[in-house]
Amino acid sequence: MYKLCNNIRIKTCDEISFFINIDNNSIFNIKTDTLNYLLRELNMGLLETDLKQHNSFFVDFIVKLKDLNILMVDTDEN
């Protein structure tokens, strides 16, 4: 299941939000509407196997967030 990395904080400023890595101070901006959709998907338990149900833009977006160490796959699904 995907989840936010532990070192990521989210700040929202109207229609733009930011993922902030508190370890290295890197920032990634995202539209707040997109963030809300992503958080909804994560809260519903987005699995790697679920990605095929989404369009290619969303899949690419998830892969990019994973590459940037914003998202991670939680293997401890207790």
Protein backbone atom coordinates (compact mmCIF):
# COMPACT_ATOMS: atom_id res chain seq x y z
CA MET A 1 0.00 0.00 0.00
CA TYR A 2 1.27 3.48 -0.83
CA LYS A 3 1.75 6.07 1.88
CA LEU A 4 3.56 9.35 2.37
CA CYS A 5 7.15 9.04 3.49
CA ASN A 6 7.69 9.89 7.16
CA ASN A 7 9.89 12.89 6.37
CA ILE A 8 7.26 14.62 4.18
CA ARG A 9 5.11 17.48 5.43
CA ILE A 10 2.30 19.13 3.48
CA LYS A 11 1.61 22.86 3.41
CA THR A 12 -1.38 24.27 1.58
CA CYS A 13 -1.72 27.82 0.25
CA ASP A 14 -5.09 28.18 -1.48
CA GLU A 15 -4.96 26.33 -4.81
CA ILE A 16 -1.30 25.28 -4.52
CA SER A 17 0.11 22.84 -1.97
CA PHE A 18 3.64 21.73 -1.25
CA PHE A 19 5.34 18.52 -0.21
CA ILE A 20 8.29 19.50 1.95
CA ASN A 21 11.01 17.00 2.77
CA ILE A 22 12.15 17.96 6.27
CA ASP A 23 15.41 16.01 5.90
CA ASN A 24 16.79 17.94 2.93
CA ASN A 25 14.37 20.90 2.62
CA SER A 26 13.36 19.97 -0.92
CA ILE A 27 9.96 21.19 -2.07
CA PHE A 28 7.56 19.77 -4.65
CA ASN A 29 4.47 21.77 -5.55
CA ILE A 30 1.10 20.31 -6.48
CA LYS A 31 -2.36 21.67 -7.15
CA THR A 32 -4.48 21.42 -4.01
CA ASP A 33 -7.27 19.65 -5.91
CA THR A 34 -4.75 17.03 -7.07
CA LEU A 35 -3.40 16.69 -3.54
CA ASN A 36 -6.91 16.15 -2.19
CA TYR A 37 -7.53 13.43 -4.78
CA LEU A 38 -4.21 11.77 -3.98
CA LEU A 39 -4.87 11.84 -0.23
CA ARG A 40 -8.33 10.37 -0.78
CA GLU A 41 -6.81 7.53 -2.81
CA LEU A 42 -4.12 6.93 -0.18
CA ASN A 43 -6.70 6.89 2.63
CA MET A 44 -8.69 4.28 0.73
CA GLY A 45 -5.58 2.06 0.64
CA LEU A 46 -4.02 2.57 -2.78
CA LEU A 47 -2.13 -0.59 -3.73
CA GLU A 48 0.45 -1.04 -6.47
CA THR A 49 -1.94 -3.51 -8.10
CA ASP A 50 -4.69 -0.83 -8.12
CA LEU A 51 -2.69 1.44 -10.42
CA LYS A 52 -3.84 -0.40 -13.53
CA GLN A 53 -7.37 0.86 -12.78
CA HIS A 54 -6.22 4.47 -13.11
CA ASN A 55 -5.26 6.41 -16.21
CA SER A 56 -1.64 6.63 -17.31
CA PHE A 57 -1.24 10.23 -16.06
CA PHE A 58 -2.08 9.16 -12.50
CA VAL A 59 0.24 6.15 -12.74
CA ASP A 60 3.09 8.37 -14.00
CA PHE A 61 2.36 10.82 -11.19
CA ILE A 62 2.56 8.08 -8.54
CA VAL A 63 5.82 6.78 -10.02
CA LYS A 64 7.28 10.30 -9.98
CA LEU A 65 6.26 10.83 -6.34
CA LYS A 66 7.84 7.50 -5.45
CA ASP A 67 11.05 8.41 -7.32
CA LEU A 68 11.17 11.71 -5.42
CA ASN A 69 10.78 9.87 -2.09
CA ILE A 70 7.47 11.54 -1.39
CA LEU A 71 5.54 8.27 -1.53
CA MET A 72 6.64 4.85 -0.46
CA VAL A 73 5.20 1.37 -0.52
CA ASP A 74 4.26 0.31 3.00
CA THR A 75 5.05 -3.38 3.28
CA ASP A 76 3.88 -3.51 6.91
CA GLU A 77 0.12 -3.76 6.33
CA ASN A 78 -0.96 -4.76 9.86
